[in-house]
Amino acid sequence: MGIVARLGFRPLGPLNRRRLRNFRRNRRGFWSFWIFLVLFVVSLGAEFVANDRPILVSYQGRLYAPVLFDYPDTEFGGFLPTPANYRDQITRETIDAEGWAIWPPIRFSYDTINFNLDRPAPAPPSAENWLGTDDQGRDVLARLIYGFRLSVLFGLGLTIASSVIGVIAGAIQGYFGGITDLIFQRLIEIWAGLPQLYVLLILSALFEPTVWLLLGLLTLFSWTGLVGLVRAEFLRTRNFDYVRAARADGGGGYRHHAPPYSAQCHGLDPHLPALHPVGRDHRADLARLPGAGSAGGLSLAG
């Protein structure tokens, strides 16, 4: 507990500890989480697991990192200024003759075509292609690793982007209310009524389809799902008794509002009406309370 406090992390409360215990009891979900986490961490370094370039090359006493940098063919005894093809037999023999190379476990990238198949593609699993190849001769396992990373990162990016936009929009509606809330609601209803599929098809025809384009298009239509929840929470909070009391007492915004439970930090009765609002007339009194300068939730800002 002391180490957690020194690191700046708050210890889990009773409710969260109970949730964690329940999650651990669900052995299928618990181990599935760890398996997924291990696979995701491994996929983040996909270039070091599945690649058609060596991780490290020693040639004529010099070290190279082809997995990170491009080197011309002339660096390894060739005569072309183009990037070296490390799967070429002559290049490999040249490196092996005057040095060494450390290869990833899977010597194929997601777009590497295996031209040395002993049968037509798609080929079955073999010692070279552990899960076989697709109809174009590309390694299936390498494509799975890169595709898994792309899918997870795409989902995380979409969730974060849509959540940020949704929370901001909902907070603006709930905070200001009135005509601002009304205008936002009508705009969101119009935006949500747009045919998402048709818009995606039209924009995909106008622009070159990329991951970033798809992420932006999906974000445009996915942020509205969180707006209603955040808006309702802000509208509910702004009508609490202690917020209304703080406004009536001269508080100019949410930063002047102290929820009733904040008084418990000082061992005081949270039901005392004089302690609920933190307005301009009560700052001097609150400043004299023990530990008032460091209490979480009591704001004395102007």
C-alpha atoms as a PDB file:
ATOM      1  CA  MET A   1       0.000   0.000   0.000  1.00  0.00           C
ATOM      2  CA  GLY A   2       2.883   2.377   0.807  1.00  0.00           C
ATOM      3  CA  ILE A   3       4.568   1.719  -2.555  1.00  0.00           C
ATOM      4  CA  VAL A   4       1.293   2.389  -4.358  1.00  0.00           C
ATOM      5  CA  ALA A   5       0.895   5.677  -2.489  1.00  0.00           C
ATOM      6  CA  ARG A   6       4.485   6.748  -3.242  1.00  0.00           C
ATOM      7  CA  LEU A   7       3.961   6.045  -6.938  1.00  0.00           C
ATOM      8  CA  GLY A   8       0.954   8.360  -6.921  1.00  0.00           C
ATOM      9  CA  PHE A   9      -1.695   5.675  -7.500  1.00  0.00           C
ATOM     10  CA  ARG A  10      -4.821   5.505  -5.409  1.00  0.00           C
ATOM     11  CA  PRO A  11      -5.581   2.130  -3.826  1.00  0.00           C
ATOM     12  CA  LEU A  12      -8.649   0.338  -5.116  1.00  0.00           C
ATOM     13  CA  GLY A  13     -11.854   0.979  -3.261  1.00  0.00           C
ATOM     14  CA  PRO A  14     -14.061  -1.802  -1.860  1.00  0.00           C
ATOM     15  CA  LEU A  15     -16.309  -1.808  -4.929  1.00  0.00           C
ATOM     16  CA  ASN A  16     -13.419  -2.094  -7.394  1.00  0.00           C
ATOM     17  CA  ARG A  17     -11.740  -4.782  -5.296  1.00  0.00           C
ATOM     18  CA  ARG A  18     -14.936  -6.802  -5.369  1.00  0.00           C
ATOM     19  CA  ARG A  19     -15.173  -6.364  -9.143  1.00  0.00           C
ATOM     20  CA  LEU A  20     -11.571  -7.523  -9.553  1.00  0.00           C
ATOM     21  CA  ARG A  21     -12.242 -10.606  -7.411  1.00  0.00           C
ATOM     22  CA  ASN A  22     -15.305 -11.459  -9.483  1.00  0.00           C
ATOM     23  CA  PHE A  23     -13.284 -11.066 -12.676  1.00  0.00           C
ATOM     24  CA  ARG A  24     -10.578 -13.398 -11.360  1.00  0.00           C
ATOM     25  CA  ARG A  25     -13.180 -16.001 -10.467  1.00  0.00           C
ATOM     26  CA  ASN A  26     -14.265 -16.046 -14.106  1.00  0.00           C
ATOM     27  CA  ARG A  27     -11.310 -18.166 -15.178  1.00  0.00           C
ATOM     28  CA  ARG A  28     -12.281 -18.242 -18.837  1.00  0.00           C
ATOM     29  CA  GLY A  29     -12.522 -14.476 -19.055  1.00  0.00           C
ATOM     30  CA  PHE A  30      -9.431 -13.931 -16.876  1.00  0.00           C
ATOM     31  CA  TRP A  31      -7.141 -16.165 -18.949  1.00  0.00           C
ATOM     32  CA  SER A  32      -8.643 -14.925 -22.201  1.00  0.00           C
ATOM     33  CA  PHE A  33      -7.676 -11.419 -21.169  1.00  0.00           C
ATOM     34  CA  TRP A  34      -4.061 -12.436 -20.542  1.00  0.00           C
ATOM     35  CA  ILE A  35      -3.853 -14.402 -23.792  1.00  0.00           C
ATOM     36  CA  PHE A  36      -5.205 -11.436 -25.703  1.00  0.00           C
ATOM     37  CA  LEU A  37      -2.776  -9.091 -23.925  1.00  0.00           C
ATOM     38  CA  VAL A  38       0.229 -11.308 -24.745  1.00  0.00           C
ATOM     39  CA  LEU A  39      -0.804 -11.609 -28.402  1.00  0.00           C
ATOM     40  CA  PHE A  40      -1.303  -7.862 -28.663  1.00  0.00           C
ATOM     41  CA  VAL A  41       2.101  -7.087 -27.129  1.00  0.00           C
ATOM     42  CA  VAL A  42       3.764  -9.565 -29.492  1.00  0.00           C
ATOM     43  CA  SER A  43       1.947  -8.067 -32.486  1.00  0.00           C
ATOM     44  CA  LEU A  44       3.225  -4.586 -31.588  1.00  0.00           C
ATOM     45  CA  GLY A  45       6.679  -5.837 -32.553  1.00  0.00           C
ATOM     46  CA  ALA A  46       5.448  -7.639 -35.658  1.00  0.00           C
ATOM     47  CA  GLU A  47       8.454  -6.445 -37.675  1.00  0.00           C
ATOM     48  CA  PHE A  48      10.721  -8.414 -35.334  1.00  0.00           C
ATOM     49  CA  VAL A  49       8.547 -11.535 -35.498  1.00  0.00           C
ATOM     50  CA  ALA A  50       7.609 -11.780 -39.170  1.00  0.00           C
ATOM     51  CA  ASN A  51       9.713  -9.957 -41.745  1.00  0.00           C
ATOM     52  CA  ASP A  52      11.551 -10.574 -44.997  1.00  0.00           C
ATOM     53  CA  ARG A  53      14.501  -8.584 -43.663  1.00  0.00           C
ATOM     54  CA  PRO A  54      17.047  -9.683 -41.042  1.00  0.00           C
ATOM     55  CA  ILE A  55      16.916  -8.082 -37.622  1.00  0.00           C
ATOM     56  CA  LEU A  56      20.671  -7.602 -37.501  1.00  0.00           C
ATOM     57  CA  VAL A  57      23.399  -8.138 -40.127  1.00  0.00           C
ATOM     58  CA  SER A  58      27.159  -8.202 -39.712  1.00  0.00           C
ATOM     59  CA  TYR A  59      29.005  -7.743 -42.998  1.00  0.00           C
ATOM     60  CA  GLN A  60      32.712  -7.044 -43.383  1.00  0.00           C
ATOM     61  CA  GLY A  61      32.965  -6.016 -39.745  1.00  0.00           C
ATOM     62  CA  ARG A  62      30.064  -3.530 -39.890  1.00  0.00           C
ATOM     63  CA  LEU A  63      26.670  -3.910 -38.249  1.00  0.00           C
ATOM     64  CA  TYR A  64      23.391  -3.201 -40.043  1.00  0.00           C
ATOM     65  CA  ALA A  65      19.761  -3.151 -38.840  1.00  0.00           C
ATOM     66  CA  PRO A  66      17.712  -3.828 -41.990  1.00  0.00           C
ATOM     67  CA  VAL A  67      14.506  -4.205 -39.974  1.00  0.00           C
ATOM     68  CA  LEU A  68      14.791  -0.520 -39.072  1.00  0.00           C
ATOM     69  CA  PHE A  69      16.659   1.059 -41.987  1.00  0.00           C
ATOM     70  CA  ASP A  70      16.927   0.680 -45.754  1.00  0.00           C
ATOM     71  CA  TYR A  71      20.311  -0.163 -47.212  1.00  0.00           C
ATOM     72  CA  PRO A  72      21.208  -0.210 -50.909  1.00  0.00           C
ATOM     73  CA  ASP A  73      22.255  -3.388 -52.625  1.00  0.00           C
ATOM     74  CA  THR A  74      25.737  -1.954 -53.066  1.00  0.00           C
ATOM     75  CA  GLU A  75      26.344  -2.263 -49.316  1.00  0.00           C
ATOM     76  CA  PHE A  76      26.338  -6.046 -49.658  1.00  0.00           C
ATOM     77  CA  GLY A  77      28.396  -6.521 -52.806  1.00  0.00           C
ATOM     78  CA  GLY A  78      25.702  -5.680 -55.331  1.00  0.00           C
ATOM     79  CA  PHE A  79      25.786  -3.100 -58.103  1.00  0.00           C
ATOM     80  CA  LEU A  80      22.252  -1.625 -57.903  1.00  0.00           C
ATOM     81  CA  PRO A  81      21.417   1.462 -55.794  1.00  0.00           C
ATOM     82  CA  THR A  82      17.979   0.017 -55.007  1.00  0.00           C
ATOM     83  CA  PRO A  83      17.150  -1.392 -51.546  1.00  0.00           C
ATOM     84  CA  ALA A  84      18.729  -4.774 -50.951  1.00  0.00           C
ATOM     85  CA  ASN A  85      16.609  -7.900 -51.386  1.00  0.00           C
ATOM     86  CA  TYR A  86      17.674 -10.067 -48.462  1.00  0.00           C
ATOM     87  CA  ARG A  87      15.700 -13.061 -49.728  1.00  0.00           C
ATOM     88  CA  ASP A  88      17.777 -13.133 -52.899  1.00  0.00           C
ATOM     89  CA  GLN A  89      20.051 -16.161 -52.882  1.00  0.00           C
ATOM     90  CA  ILE A  90      23.142 -14.253 -54.066  1.00  0.00           C
ATOM     91  CA  THR A  91      22.688 -11.591 -51.374  1.00  0.00           C
ATOM     92  CA  ARG A  92      22.273 -14.214 -48.662  1.00  0.00           C
ATOM     93  CA  GLU A  93      25.343 -16.135 -49.792  1.00  0.00           C
ATOM     94  CA  THR A  94      27.394 -12.930 -49.872  1.00  0.00           C
ATOM     95  CA  ILE A  95      26.366 -12.005 -46.328  1.00  0.00           C
ATOM     96  CA  ASP A  96      26.983 -15.525 -45.027  1.00  0.00           C
ATOM     97  CA  ALA A  97      30.425 -15.599 -46.636  1.00  0.00           C
ATOM     98  CA  GLU A  98      31.673 -12.430 -44.943  1.00  0.00           C
ATOM     99  CA  GLY A  99      29.420 -12.130 -41.919  1.00  0.00           C
ATOM    100  CA  TRP A 100      26.190 -13.342 -40.382  1.00  0.00           C
ATOM    101  CA  ALA A 101      22.524 -12.401 -40.125  1.00  0.00           C
ATOM    102  CA  ILE A 102      19.876 -12.802 -37.417  1.00  0.00           C
ATOM    103  CA  TRP A 103      16.457 -13.436 -38.954  1.00  0.00           C
ATOM    104  CA  PRO A 104      12.984 -13.195 -37.392  1.00  0.00           C
ATOM    105  CA  PRO A 105      11.246 -16.510 -36.619  1.00  0.00           C
ATOM    106  CA  ILE A 106       9.020 -15.993 -39.681  1.00  0.00           C
ATOM    107  CA  ARG A 107      10.982 -14.902 -42.736  1.00  0.00           C
ATOM    108  CA  PHE A 108       8.002 -13.328 -44.472  1.00  0.00           C
ATOM    109  CA  SER A 109       6.271  -9.990 -44.156  1.00  0.00           C
ATOM    110  CA  TYR A 110       2.560  -9.471 -44.751  1.00  0.00           C
ATOM    111  CA  ASP A 111       3.119  -8.716 -48.451  1.00  0.00           C
ATOM    112  CA  THR A 112       6.043 -11.048 -49.187  1.00  0.00           C
ATOM    113  CA  ILE A 113       5.353 -13.504 -52.002  1.00  0.00           C
ATOM    114  CA  ASN A 114       7.031 -16.888 -51.723  1.00  0.00           C
ATOM    115  CA  PHE A 115       8.267 -17.687 -55.237  1.00  0.00           C
ATOM    116  CA  ASN A 116       9.905 -20.925 -54.095  1.00  0.00           C
ATOM    117  CA  LEU A 117       6.727 -22.925 -53.460  1.00  0.00           C
ATOM    118  CA  ASP A 118       6.882 -26.541 -54.554  1.00  0.00           C
ATOM    119  CA  ARG A 119       3.203 -26.516 -55.460  1.00  0.00           C
ATOM    120  CA  PRO A 120       0.639 -23.995 -56.737  1.00  0.00           C
ATOM    121  CA  ALA A 121      -0.736 -21.447 -54.294  1.00  0.00           C
ATOM    122  CA  PRO A 122      -2.568 -21.599 -51.978  1.00  0.00           C
ATOM    123  CA  ALA A 123      -0.068 -23.992 -50.418  1.00  0.00           C
ATOM    124  CA  PRO A 124      -0.695 -26.069 -47.276  1.00  0.00           C
ATOM    125  CA  PRO A 125       1.288 -25.582 -44.057  1.00  0.00           C
ATOM    126  CA  SER A 126       4.965 -26.439 -44.274  1.00  0.00           C
ATOM    127  CA  ALA A 127       8.223 -25.895 -42.408  1.00  0.00           C
ATOM    128  CA  GLU A 128       8.682 -22.597 -44.276  1.00  0.00           C
ATOM    129  CA  ASN A 129       5.078 -21.371 -44.181  1.00  0.00           C
ATOM    130  CA  TRP A 130       3.683 -22.538 -40.853  1.00  0.00           C
ATOM    131  CA  LEU A 131       0.045 -21.873 -41.727  1.00  0.00           C
ATOM    132  CA  GLY A 132       0.475 -22.135 -45.488  1.00  0.00           C
ATOM    133  CA  THR A 133      -0.002 -19.380 -48.053  1.00  0.00           C
ATOM    134  CA  ASP A 134      -2.934 -17.594 -49.609  1.00  0.00           C
ATOM    135  CA  ASP A 135      -3.837 -17.677 -53.296  1.00  0.00           C
ATOM    136  CA  GLN A 136      -1.078 -15.154 -54.070  1.00  0.00           C
ATOM    137  CA  GLY A 137       1.685 -17.035 -52.270  1.00  0.00           C
ATOM    138  CA  ARG A 138       1.788 -14.775 -49.190  1.00  0.00           C
ATOM    139  CA  ASP A 139       2.410 -16.255 -45.758  1.00  0.00           C
ATOM    140  CA  VAL A 140      -0.852 -16.617 -43.817  1.00  0.00           C
ATOM    141  CA  LEU A 141       0.677 -16.428 -40.323  1.00  0.00           C
ATOM    142  CA  ALA A 142       2.562 -13.209 -41.117  1.00  0.00           C
ATOM    143  CA  ARG A 143      -0.608 -11.635 -42.460  1.00  0.00           C
ATOM    144  CA  LEU A 144      -2.505 -12.728 -39.338  1.00  0.00           C
ATOM    145  CA  ILE A 145       0.055 -11.065 -37.054  1.00  0.00           C
ATOM    146  CA  TYR A 146       0.054  -7.773 -38.931  1.00  0.00           C
ATOM    147  CA  GLY A 147      -3.709  -7.855 -39.401  1.00  0.00           C
ATOM    148  CA  PHE A 148      -4.310  -8.519 -35.698  1.00  0.00           C
ATOM    149  CA  ARG A 149      -2.218  -5.499 -34.736  1.00  0.00           C
ATOM    150  CA  LEU A 150      -3.953  -3.272 -37.256  1.00  0.00           C
ATOM    151  CA  SER A 151      -7.423  -4.400 -36.157  1.00  0.00           C
ATOM    152  CA  VAL A 152      -6.794  -3.842 -32.443  1.00  0.00           C
ATOM    153  CA  LEU A 153      -5.130  -0.458 -32.925  1.00  0.00           C
ATOM    154  CA  PHE A 154      -7.900   0.595 -35.299  1.00  0.00           C
ATOM    155  CA  GLY A 155     -10.558  -0.316 -32.732  1.00  0.00           C
ATOM    156  CA  LEU A 156      -8.714   1.473 -29.933  1.00  0.00           C
ATOM    157  CA  GLY A 157      -8.201   4.579 -32.043  1.00  0.00           C
ATOM    158  CA  LEU A 158     -11.844   4.651 -33.102  1.00  0.00           C
ATOM    159  CA  THR A 159     -13.042   4.201 -29.517  1.00  0.00           C
ATOM    160  CA  ILE A 160     -10.781   6.932 -28.135  1.00  0.00           C
ATOM    161  CA  ALA A 161     -11.573   9.430 -30.890  1.00  0.00           C
ATOM    162  CA  SER A 162     -15.333   8.913 -30.766  1.00  0.00           C
ATOM    163  CA  SER A 163     -15.337   8.989 -26.949  1.00  0.00           C
ATOM    164  CA  VAL A 164     -13.437  12.275 -26.797  1.00  0.00           C
ATOM    165  CA  ILE A 165     -15.738  13.951 -29.307  1.00  0.00           C
ATOM    166  CA  GLY A 166     -18.863  12.498 -27.681  1.00  0.00           C
ATOM    167  CA  VAL A 167     -17.850  13.550 -24.174  1.00  0.00           C
ATOM    168  CA  ILE A 168     -17.011  17.096 -25.291  1.00  0.00           C
ATOM    169  CA  ALA A 169     -20.271  17.490 -27.218  1.00  0.00           C
ATOM    170  CA  GLY A 170     -22.368  16.048 -24.387  1.00  0.00           C
ATOM    171  CA  ALA A 171     -20.592  18.184 -21.799  1.00  0.00           C
ATOM    172  CA  ILE A 172     -21.248  21.364 -23.780  1.00  0.00           C
ATOM    173  CA  GLN A 173     -24.927  20.499 -24.099  1.00  0.00           C
ATOM    174  CA  GLY A 174     -25.382  19.626 -20.455  1.00  0.00           C
ATOM    175  CA  TYR A 175     -23.297  22.478 -19.090  1.00  0.00           C
ATOM    176  CA  PHE A 176     -24.934  25.330 -20.965  1.00  0.00           C
ATOM    177  CA  GLY A 177     -28.382  23.838 -21.558  1.00  0.00           C
ATOM    178  CA  GLY A 178     -31.108  26.061 -22.945  1.00  0.00           C
ATOM    179  CA  ILE A 179     -30.823  27.140 -26.561  1.00  0.00           C
ATOM    180  CA  THR A 180     -27.330  25.598 -26.860  1.00  0.00           C
ATOM    181  CA  ASP A 181     -28.678  22.210 -25.858  1.00  0.00           C
ATOM    182  CA  LEU A 182     -31.642  22.578 -28.205  1.00  0.00           C
ATOM    183  CA  ILE A 183     -29.502  23.462 -31.228  1.00  0.00           C
ATOM    184  CA  PHE A 184     -27.043  20.645 -30.536  1.00  0.00           C
ATOM    185  CA  GLN A 185     -29.838  18.121 -30.173  1.00  0.00           C
ATOM    186  CA  ARG A 186     -31.384  19.056 -33.517  1.00  0.00           C
ATOM    187  CA  LEU A 187     -28.010  18.934 -35.270  1.00  0.00           C
ATOM    188  CA  ILE A 188     -27.249  15.521 -33.781  1.00  0.00           C
ATOM    189  CA  GLU A 189     -30.645  14.196 -34.877  1.00  0.00           C
ATOM    190  CA  ILE A 190     -30.004  15.396 -38.428  1.00  0.00           C
ATOM    191  CA  TRP A 191     -26.470  13.974 -38.427  1.00  0.00           C
ATOM    192  CA  ALA A 192     -27.608  10.609 -37.032  1.00  0.00           C
ATOM    193  CA  GLY A 193     -30.257  10.408 -39.774  1.00  0.00           C
ATOM    194  CA  LEU A 194     -27.683  10.485 -42.573  1.00  0.00           C
ATOM    195  CA  PRO A 195     -27.275   7.138 -44.388  1.00  0.00           C
ATOM    196  CA  GLN A 196     -23.871   6.069 -43.125  1.00  0.00           C
ATOM    197  CA  LEU A 197     -23.339   3.290 -45.657  1.00  0.00           C
ATOM    198  CA  TYR A 198     -24.045   5.521 -48.654  1.00  0.00           C
ATOM    199  CA  VAL A 199     -21.733   8.241 -47.354  1.00  0.00           C
ATOM    200  CA  LEU A 200     -18.947   5.690 -46.896  1.00  0.00           C
ATOM    201  CA  LEU A 201     -19.431   4.344 -50.415  1.00  0.00           C
ATOM    202  CA  ILE A 202     -19.465   7.816 -51.990  1.00  0.00           C
ATOM    203  CA  LEU A 203     -16.358   9.049 -50.158  1.00  0.00           C
ATOM    204  CA  SER A 204     -14.530   5.782 -50.829  1.00  0.00           C
ATOM    205  CA  ALA A 205     -15.181   6.306 -54.527  1.00  0.00           C
ATOM    206  CA  LEU A 206     -13.914   9.900 -54.403  1.00  0.00           C
ATOM    207  CA  PHE A 207     -10.762   9.245 -52.375  1.00  0.00           C
ATOM    208  CA  GLU A 208      -8.225   6.447 -52.274  1.00  0.00           C
ATOM    209  CA  PRO A 209      -9.316   4.025 -49.542  1.00  0.00           C
ATOM    210  CA  THR A 210      -6.856   4.023 -46.648  1.00  0.00           C
ATOM    211  CA  VAL A 211      -6.947   3.056 -42.992  1.00  0.00           C
ATOM    212  CA  TRP A 212      -6.887   6.710 -41.936  1.00  0.00           C
ATOM    213  CA  LEU A 213      -9.752   7.589 -44.262  1.00  0.00           C
ATOM    214  CA  LEU A 214     -11.860   4.727 -42.900  1.00  0.00           C
ATOM    215  CA  LEU A 215     -10.990   5.708 -39.319  1.00  0.00           C
ATOM    216  CA  GLY A 216     -12.066   9.299 -39.953  1.00  0.00           C
ATOM    217  CA  LEU A 217     -15.308   8.299 -41.663  1.00  0.00           C
ATOM    218  CA  LEU A 218     -16.310   5.890 -38.904  1.00  0.00           C
ATOM    219  CA  THR A 219     -15.447   8.467 -36.243  1.00  0.00           C
ATOM    220  CA  LEU A 220     -17.809  10.952 -37.903  1.00  0.00           C
ATOM    221  CA  PHE A 221     -20.760   8.655 -37.236  1.00  0.00           C
ATOM    222  CA  SER A 222     -19.765   6.847 -34.027  1.00  0.00           C
ATOM    223  CA  TRP A 223     -19.364   9.780 -31.621  1.00  0.00           C
ATOM    224  CA  THR A 224     -23.118  10.416 -31.251  1.00  0.00           C
ATOM    225  CA  GLY A 225     -23.694   7.273 -29.189  1.00  0.00           C
ATOM    226  CA  LEU A 226     -22.046   8.726 -26.062  1.00  0.00           C
ATOM    227  CA  VAL A 227     -23.482  12.233 -26.243  1.00  0.00           C
ATOM    228  CA  GLY A 228     -26.820  11.410 -24.629  1.00  0.00           C
ATOM    229  CA  LEU A 229     -25.254   9.750 -21.580  1.00  0.00           C
ATOM    230  CA  VAL A 230     -22.803  12.585 -20.888  1.00  0.00           C
ATOM    231  CA  ARG A 231     -25.457  15.232 -21.522  1.00  0.00           C
ATOM    232  CA  ALA A 232     -27.878  13.588 -19.086  1.00  0.00           C
ATOM    233  CA  GLU A 233     -25.187  13.335 -16.413  1.00  0.00           C
ATOM    234  CA  PHE A 234     -24.297  17.014 -16.741  1.00  0.00           C
ATOM    235  CA  LEU A 235     -27.953  18.040 -16.666  1.00  0.00           C
ATOM    236  CA  ARG A 236     -28.472  15.921 -13.557  1.00  0.00           C
ATOM    237  CA  THR A 237     -25.404  17.332 -11.798  1.00  0.00           C
ATOM    238  CA  ARG A 238     -26.178  20.974 -12.544  1.00  0.00           C
ATOM    239  CA  ASN A 239     -29.526  20.593 -10.739  1.00  0.00           C
ATOM    240  CA  PHE A 240     -28.094  19.205  -7.501  1.00  0.00           C
ATOM    241  CA  ASP A 241     -28.975  21.205  -4.395  1.00  0.00           C
ATOM    242  CA  TYR A 242     -25.375  22.080  -3.520  1.00  0.00           C
ATOM    243  CA  VAL A 243     -24.726  23.324  -7.092  1.00  0.00           C
ATOM    244  CA  ARG A 244     -27.839  25.492  -7.077  1.00  0.00           C
ATOM    245  CA  ALA A 245     -26.934  26.773  -3.612  1.00  0.00           C
ATOM    246  CA  ALA A 246     -23.425  27.671  -4.777  1.00  0.00           C
ATOM    247  CA  ARG A 247     -24.826  29.556  -7.774  1.00  0.00           C
ATOM    248  CA  ALA A 248     -27.243  31.441  -5.561  1.00  0.00           C
ATOM    249  CA  ASP A 249     -24.408  32.238  -3.162  1.00  0.00           C
ATOM    250  CA  GLY A 250     -22.260  33.823  -5.873  1.00  0.00           C
ATOM    251  CA  GLY A 251     -20.323  30.902  -7.304  1.00  0.00           C
ATOM    252  CA  GLY A 252     -19.672  31.489 -10.988  1.00  0.00           C
ATOM    253  CA  GLY A 253     -19.168  27.944 -12.275  1.00  0.00           C
ATOM    254  CA  TYR A 254     -18.618  24.313 -11.480  1.00  0.00           C
ATOM    255  CA  ARG A 255     -15.172  24.977 -10.101  1.00  0.00           C
ATOM    256  CA  HIS A 256     -16.793  26.776  -7.127  1.00  0.00           C
ATOM    257  CA  HIS A 257     -18.989  23.808  -6.250  1.00  0.00           C
ATOM    258  CA  ALA A 258     -17.981  21.428  -3.496  1.00  0.00           C
ATOM    259  CA  PRO A 259     -19.996  18.201  -3.317  1.00  0.00           C
ATOM    260  CA  PRO A 260     -21.286  17.310   0.142  1.00  0.00           C
ATOM    261  CA  TYR A 261     -18.892  14.398   0.534  1.00  0.00           C
ATOM    262  CA  SER A 262     -15.889  16.749   0.267  1.00  0.00           C
ATOM    263  CA  ALA A 263     -16.654  18.068   3.752  1.00  0.00           C
ATOM    264  CA  GLN A 264     -16.068  14.592   5.131  1.00  0.00           C
ATOM    265  CA  CYS A 265     -12.383  15.001   4.306  1.00  0.00           C
ATOM    266  CA  HIS A 266     -12.205  17.330   7.329  1.00  0.00           C
ATOM    267  CA  GLY A 267     -14.342  15.215   9.648  1.00  0.00           C
ATOM    268  CA  LEU A 268     -17.223  17.667   9.333  1.00  0.00           C
ATOM    269  CA  ASP A 269     -20.914  17.031   9.025  1.00  0.00           C
ATOM    270  CA  PRO A 270     -21.679  17.045   5.277  1.00  0.00           C
ATOM    271  CA  HIS A 271     -25.280  18.045   5.952  1.00  0.00           C
ATOM    272  CA  LEU A 272     -24.395  21.472   7.297  1.00  0.00           C
ATOM    273  CA  PRO A 273     -25.944  23.825   4.711  1.00  0.00           C
ATOM    274  CA  ALA A 274     -23.197  26.428   5.174  1.00  0.00           C
ATOM    275  CA  LEU A 275     -20.570  23.956   3.963  1.00  0.00           C
ATOM    276  CA  HIS A 276     -22.227  22.881   0.718  1.00  0.00           C
ATOM    277  CA  PRO A 277     -21.583  25.999  -1.373  1.00  0.00           C
ATOM    278  CA  VAL A 278     -18.089  27.365  -1.802  1.00  0.00           C
ATOM    279  CA  GLY A 279     -18.942  30.907  -2.757  1.00  0.00           C
ATOM    280  CA  ARG A 280     -17.134  34.181  -2.376  1.00  0.00           C
ATOM    281  CA  ASP A 281     -18.584  34.844   1.086  1.00  0.00           C
ATOM    282  CA  HIS A 282     -17.416  31.541   2.562  1.00  0.00           C
ATOM    283  CA  ARG A 283     -13.846  31.323   1.300  1.00  0.00           C
ATOM    284  CA  ALA A 284     -12.340  33.028   4.324  1.00  0.00           C
ATOM    285  CA  ASP A 285     -14.173  30.641   6.668  1.00  0.00           C
ATOM    286  CA  LEU A 286     -13.151  27.562   4.684  1.00  0.00           C
ATOM    287  CA  ALA A 287      -9.544  28.719   4.489  1.00  0.00           C
ATOM    288  CA  ARG A 288      -9.344  28.510   8.307  1.00  0.00           C
ATOM    289  CA  LEU A 289     -10.439  24.855   8.331  1.00  0.00           C
ATOM    290  CA  PRO A 290      -7.696  22.295   9.106  1.00  0.00           C
ATOM    291  CA  GLY A 291      -6.133  21.102   5.861  1.00  0.00           C
ATOM    292  CA  ALA A 292      -8.412  23.251   3.719  1.00  0.00           C
ATOM    293  CA  GLY A 293      -5.582  24.142   1.367  1.00  0.00           C
ATOM    294  CA  SER A 294      -5.062  20.521   0.271  1.00  0.00           C
ATOM    295  CA  ALA A 295      -8.529  19.006   0.419  1.00  0.00           C
ATOM    296  CA  GLY A 296      -9.756  17.392  -2.742  1.00  0.00           C
ATOM    297  CA  GLY A 297     -13.101  18.746  -3.900  1.00  0.00           C
ATOM    298  CA  LEU A 298     -13.036  22.113  -2.041  1.00  0.00           C
ATOM    299  CA  SER A 299     -12.165  24.772  -4.601  1.00  0.00           C
ATOM    300  CA  LEU A 300     -11.140  28.237  -3.439  1.00  0.00           C
ATOM    301  CA  ALA A 301     -10.214  29.472  -6.920  1.00  0.00           C
ATOM    302  CA  GLY A 302     -11.561  32.763  -8.119  1.00  0.00           C
END
